[in-house]
């Protein structure tokens, strides 16, 4: 099999960023079946954008976990939580304008 053919087959099998984006939260929460975990993991090995996105999700999840465990916000988490609030407001505004 030629190298170009292998690359084409790999690209067809590779999940797109859009597909992976829909599964990232479930992946992070451990709620995907093994074939989907493999697909997302393979994509994350090669996609910097999605890798950064899942890293951000992980940091958010950890910050929120600390808040819920301890009942108060750590100083380093305040900025992240404020950004989440602004982002949620932006999403809400976009949905209202559609």
N, C-alpha and C. Protein backbone atom coordinates (compact mmCIF):
# COMPACT_ATOMS: atom_id res chain seq x y z
N UNK A 1 0.85 -1.17 0.00
CA UNK A 1 0.00 0.00 0.00
C UNK A 1 0.90 1.24 0.00
N UNK A 2 0.57 2.18 -0.86
CA UNK A 2 1.39 3.38 -0.96
C UNK A 2 1.18 4.28 0.25
N UNK A 3 2.15 5.13 0.50
CA UNK A 3 2.07 6.06 1.62
C UNK A 3 0.90 7.02 1.49
N UNK A 4 0.64 7.49 0.27
CA UNK A 4 -0.47 8.43 0.05
C UNK A 4 -1.80 7.74 0.35
N UNK A 5 -1.94 6.49 -0.08
CA UNK A 5 -3.18 5.75 0.17
C UNK A 5 -3.40 5.54 1.66
N UNK A 6 -2.33 5.21 2.38
CA UNK A 6 -2.44 5.03 3.83
C UNK A 6 -2.86 6.33 4.51
N UNK A 7 -2.30 7.43 4.08
CA UNK A 7 -2.66 8.73 4.66
C UNK A 7 -4.12 9.04 4.38
N UNK A 8 -4.58 8.78 3.16
CA UNK A 8 -5.99 9.02 2.83
C UNK A 8 -6.91 8.17 3.70
N UNK A 9 -6.58 6.89 3.85
CA UNK A 9 -7.41 6.01 4.68
C UNK A 9 -7.41 6.48 6.13
N UNK A 10 -6.25 6.89 6.62
CA UNK A 10 -6.15 7.38 7.99
C UNK A 10 -7.02 8.62 8.17
N UNK A 11 -7.00 9.51 7.18
CA UNK A 11 -7.78 10.74 7.29
C UNK A 11 -9.28 10.46 7.28
N UNK A 12 -9.72 9.47 6.51
CA UNK A 12 -11.13 9.11 6.49
C UNK A 12 -11.54 8.54 7.84
N UNK A 13 -10.67 7.74 8.46
CA UNK A 13 -10.97 7.14 9.76
C UNK A 13 -10.89 8.16 10.89
N UNK A 14 -10.07 9.16 10.70
CA UNK A 14 -9.85 10.15 11.74
C UNK A 14 -11.10 10.98 11.96
N UNK A 15 -11.44 11.17 13.20
CA UNK A 15 -12.61 12.00 13.53
C UNK A 15 -12.31 13.45 13.19
N UNK A 16 -13.34 14.17 12.81
CA UNK A 16 -13.18 15.60 12.56
C UNK A 16 -13.27 16.35 13.90
N UNK A 17 -12.81 17.57 13.89
CA UNK A 17 -12.89 18.40 15.10
C UNK A 17 -14.34 18.56 15.55
N UNK A 18 -15.24 18.70 14.59
CA UNK A 18 -16.66 18.86 14.92
C UNK A 18 -17.19 17.61 15.64
N UNK A 19 -16.86 16.42 15.10
CA UNK A 19 -17.29 15.18 15.75
C UNK A 19 -16.73 15.07 17.16
N UNK A 20 -15.46 15.34 17.27
CA UNK A 20 -14.79 15.24 18.57
C UNK A 20 -15.35 16.27 19.54
N UNK A 21 -15.60 17.48 19.06
CA UNK A 21 -16.15 18.53 19.91
C UNK A 21 -17.45 18.12 20.57
N UNK A 22 -18.27 17.38 19.84
CA UNK A 22 -19.55 16.92 20.41
C UNK A 22 -19.35 15.85 21.47
N UNK A 23 -18.18 15.21 21.48
CA UNK A 23 -17.94 14.12 22.42
C UNK A 23 -16.98 14.47 23.56
N UNK A 24 -16.36 15.64 23.51
CA UNK A 24 -15.31 15.95 24.48
C UNK A 24 -15.78 15.89 25.93
N UNK A 25 -16.91 16.45 26.22
CA UNK A 25 -17.36 16.44 27.62
C UNK A 25 -17.64 15.02 28.09
N UNK A 26 -18.27 14.21 27.25
CA UNK A 26 -18.53 12.81 27.61
C UNK A 26 -17.22 12.04 27.75
N UNK A 27 -16.26 12.35 26.89
CA UNK A 27 -14.93 11.72 26.97
C UNK A 27 -14.28 12.05 28.30
N UNK A 28 -14.32 13.31 28.66
CA UNK A 28 -13.72 13.76 29.91
C UNK A 28 -14.42 13.15 31.11
N UNK A 29 -15.73 12.96 31.01
CA UNK A 29 -16.51 12.38 32.10
C UNK A 29 -16.46 10.85 32.14
N UNK A 30 -15.80 10.23 31.16
CA UNK A 30 -15.71 8.78 31.12
C UNK A 30 -17.01 8.11 30.72
N UNK A 31 -17.81 8.77 29.89
CA UNK A 31 -19.13 8.24 29.52
C UNK A 31 -19.20 7.79 28.06
N UNK A 32 -18.06 7.55 27.41
CA UNK A 32 -18.06 7.07 26.03
C UNK A 32 -17.76 5.58 25.98
N UNK A 33 -18.29 4.93 24.95
CA UNK A 33 -17.97 3.51 24.78
C UNK A 33 -16.55 3.40 24.21
N UNK A 34 -15.92 2.23 24.35
CA UNK A 34 -14.51 2.07 23.94
C UNK A 34 -14.19 2.49 22.50
N UNK A 35 -15.03 2.18 21.50
CA UNK A 35 -14.68 2.64 20.15
C UNK A 35 -14.63 4.17 20.02
N UNK A 36 -15.54 4.85 20.70
CA UNK A 36 -15.54 6.31 20.64
C UNK A 36 -14.35 6.88 21.42
N UNK A 37 -14.00 6.25 22.54
CA UNK A 37 -12.81 6.68 23.29
C UNK A 37 -11.58 6.58 22.40
N UNK A 38 -11.46 5.48 21.67
CA UNK A 38 -10.31 5.30 20.78
C UNK A 38 -10.29 6.36 19.69
N UNK A 39 -11.46 6.66 19.14
CA UNK A 39 -11.55 7.66 18.07
C UNK A 39 -11.15 9.04 18.59
N UNK A 40 -11.68 9.42 19.74
CA UNK A 40 -11.35 10.73 20.31
C UNK A 40 -9.88 10.79 20.70
N UNK A 41 -9.38 9.73 21.33
CA UNK A 41 -7.97 9.69 21.75
C UNK A 41 -7.04 9.84 20.56
N UNK A 42 -7.35 9.13 19.47
CA UNK A 42 -6.52 9.22 18.26
C UNK A 42 -6.53 10.64 17.71
N UNK A 43 -7.69 11.26 17.71
CA UNK A 43 -7.79 12.63 17.22
C UNK A 43 -6.98 13.59 18.11
N UNK A 44 -7.09 13.41 19.41
CA UNK A 44 -6.41 14.31 20.34
C UNK A 44 -4.89 14.20 20.23
N UNK A 45 -4.39 13.04 19.80
CA UNK A 45 -2.94 12.88 19.63
C UNK A 45 -2.40 13.76 18.51
N UNK A 46 -3.28 14.13 17.56
CA UNK A 46 -2.81 14.86 16.38
C UNK A 46 -3.39 16.26 16.22
N UNK A 47 -4.34 16.63 17.06
CA UNK A 47 -5.00 17.93 16.88
C UNK A 47 -4.72 18.85 18.07
N UNK A 48 -3.91 19.83 17.86
CA UNK A 48 -3.55 20.77 18.91
C UNK A 48 -4.78 21.54 19.40
N UNK A 49 -5.63 21.97 18.48
CA UNK A 49 -6.82 22.74 18.85
C UNK A 49 -7.72 21.96 19.82
N UNK A 50 -8.04 20.74 19.46
CA UNK A 50 -8.91 19.93 20.33
C UNK A 50 -8.19 19.54 21.62
N UNK A 51 -6.88 19.35 21.53
CA UNK A 51 -6.10 19.06 22.73
C UNK A 51 -6.15 20.21 23.73
N UNK A 52 -6.04 21.43 23.21
CA UNK A 52 -6.14 22.60 24.09
C UNK A 52 -7.54 22.73 24.66
N UNK A 53 -8.55 22.40 23.84
CA UNK A 53 -9.93 22.50 24.31
C UNK A 53 -10.19 21.51 25.45
N UNK A 54 -9.72 20.28 25.30
CA UNK A 54 -9.96 19.31 26.37
C UNK A 54 -9.15 19.65 27.62
N UNK A 55 -7.99 20.25 27.43
CA UNK A 55 -7.21 20.71 28.57
C UNK A 55 -7.99 21.79 29.33
N UNK A 56 -8.59 22.71 28.59
CA UNK A 56 -9.38 23.77 29.24
C UNK A 56 -10.58 23.17 29.96
N UNK A 57 -11.27 22.21 29.32
CA UNK A 57 -12.40 21.55 29.97
C UNK A 57 -11.96 20.88 31.27
N UNK A 58 -10.80 20.23 31.21
CA UNK A 58 -10.30 19.56 32.41
C UNK A 58 -10.01 20.54 33.54
N UNK A 59 -9.42 21.68 33.19
CA UNK A 59 -9.13 22.69 34.20
C UNK A 59 -10.42 23.27 34.79
N UNK A 60 -11.40 23.48 33.94
CA UNK A 60 -12.70 23.99 34.41
C UNK A 60 -13.34 22.98 35.34
N UNK A 61 -13.34 21.74 34.93
CA UNK A 61 -13.94 20.67 35.74
C UNK A 61 -13.26 20.58 37.11
N UNK A 62 -11.95 20.67 37.12
CA UNK A 62 -11.20 20.61 38.38
C UNK A 62 -11.52 21.81 39.26
N UNK A 63 -11.58 23.00 38.65
CA UNK A 63 -11.90 24.21 39.43
C UNK A 63 -13.29 24.11 40.03
N UNK A 64 -14.26 23.67 39.24
CA UNK A 64 -15.62 23.53 39.75
C UNK A 64 -15.71 22.46 40.82
N UNK A 65 -14.91 21.42 40.66
CA UNK A 65 -14.89 20.35 41.66
C UNK A 65 -14.37 20.87 42.99
N UNK A 66 -13.33 21.69 42.94
CA UNK A 66 -12.79 22.27 44.18
C UNK A 66 -13.82 23.16 44.84
N UNK A 67 -14.54 23.94 44.04
CA UNK A 67 -15.56 24.83 44.60
C UNK A 67 -16.64 24.01 45.30
N UNK A 68 -17.11 22.96 44.65
CA UNK A 68 -18.19 22.18 45.24
C UNK A 68 -17.72 21.39 46.46
N UNK A 69 -16.46 20.95 46.48
CA UNK A 69 -15.94 20.20 47.63
C UNK A 69 -15.73 21.10 48.84
N UNK A 70 -15.22 22.29 48.59
CA UNK A 70 -14.79 23.15 49.69
C UNK A 70 -15.77 24.29 49.98
N UNK A 71 -16.71 24.50 49.11
CA UNK A 71 -17.72 25.52 49.35
C UNK A 71 -17.26 26.94 49.13
N UNK A 72 -16.02 27.15 48.77
CA UNK A 72 -15.56 28.51 48.47
C UNK A 72 -14.60 28.46 47.29
N UNK A 73 -14.44 29.56 46.63
CA UNK A 73 -13.64 29.64 45.42
C UNK A 73 -12.19 29.97 45.77
N UNK A 74 -11.28 29.18 45.22
CA UNK A 74 -9.86 29.49 45.36
C UNK A 74 -9.55 30.76 44.56
N UNK A 75 -8.65 31.57 45.03
CA UNK A 75 -8.33 32.81 44.29
C UNK A 75 -7.94 32.56 42.84
N UNK A 76 -7.18 31.50 42.56
CA UNK A 76 -6.76 31.22 41.18
C UNK A 76 -7.91 30.76 40.30
N UNK A 77 -9.03 30.37 40.90
CA UNK A 77 -10.18 29.91 40.13
C UNK A 77 -11.19 31.02 39.85
N UNK A 78 -11.07 32.13 40.53
CA UNK A 78 -12.06 33.21 40.35
C UNK A 78 -12.13 33.71 38.91
N UNK A 79 -10.98 33.91 38.29
CA UNK A 79 -10.94 34.40 36.92
C UNK A 79 -11.58 33.39 35.97
N UNK A 80 -11.25 32.13 36.14
CA UNK A 80 -11.83 31.09 35.28
C UNK A 80 -13.34 31.02 35.43
N UNK A 81 -13.84 31.14 36.62
CA UNK A 81 -15.28 31.08 36.85
C UNK A 81 -15.95 32.31 36.26
N UNK A 82 -15.34 33.47 36.35
CA UNK A 82 -15.90 34.68 35.75
C UNK A 82 -15.93 34.54 34.23
N UNK A 83 -14.89 33.98 33.63
CA UNK A 83 -14.89 33.76 32.18
C UNK A 83 -16.01 32.80 31.78
N UNK A 84 -16.24 31.78 32.59
CA UNK A 84 -17.34 30.84 32.31
C UNK A 84 -18.68 31.55 32.34
N UNK A 85 -18.87 32.42 33.31
CA UNK A 85 -20.12 33.17 33.40
C UNK A 85 -20.33 34.05 32.18
N UNK A 86 -19.26 34.74 31.75
CA UNK A 86 -19.36 35.59 30.56
C UNK A 86 -19.66 34.75 29.33
N UNK A 87 -18.97 33.61 29.22
CA UNK A 87 -19.18 32.72 28.07
C UNK A 87 -20.62 32.20 28.04
N UNK A 88 -21.14 31.80 29.18
CA UNK A 88 -22.53 31.33 29.26
C UNK A 88 -23.48 32.43 28.83
N UNK A 89 -23.21 33.67 29.24
CA UNK A 89 -24.04 34.80 28.84
C UNK A 89 -23.99 35.03 27.34
N UNK A 90 -22.80 34.89 26.75
CA UNK A 90 -22.66 35.05 25.30
C UNK A 90 -23.45 33.98 24.56
N UNK A 91 -23.38 32.74 25.03
CA UNK A 91 -24.13 31.65 24.39
C UNK A 91 -25.62 31.93 24.48
N UNK A 92 -26.06 32.37 25.65
CA UNK A 92 -27.47 32.67 25.84
C UNK A 92 -27.92 33.77 24.89
N UNK A 93 -27.09 34.81 24.74
CA UNK A 93 -27.42 35.92 23.83
C UNK A 93 -27.47 35.45 22.39
N UNK A 94 -26.55 34.57 21.98
CA UNK A 94 -26.54 34.04 20.61
C UNK A 94 -27.80 33.23 20.34
N UNK A 95 -28.21 32.42 21.31
CA UNK A 95 -29.39 31.58 21.13
C UNK A 95 -30.65 32.46 21.01
N UNK A 96 -30.70 33.55 21.77
CA UNK A 96 -31.85 34.44 21.71
C UNK A 96 -31.93 35.17 20.38
N UNK A 97 -30.79 35.46 19.77
CA UNK A 97 -30.78 36.20 18.50
C UNK A 97 -31.04 35.31 17.30
N UNK A 98 -30.96 33.98 17.47
CA UNK A 98 -31.21 33.04 16.34
C UNK A 98 -32.65 32.87 16.03
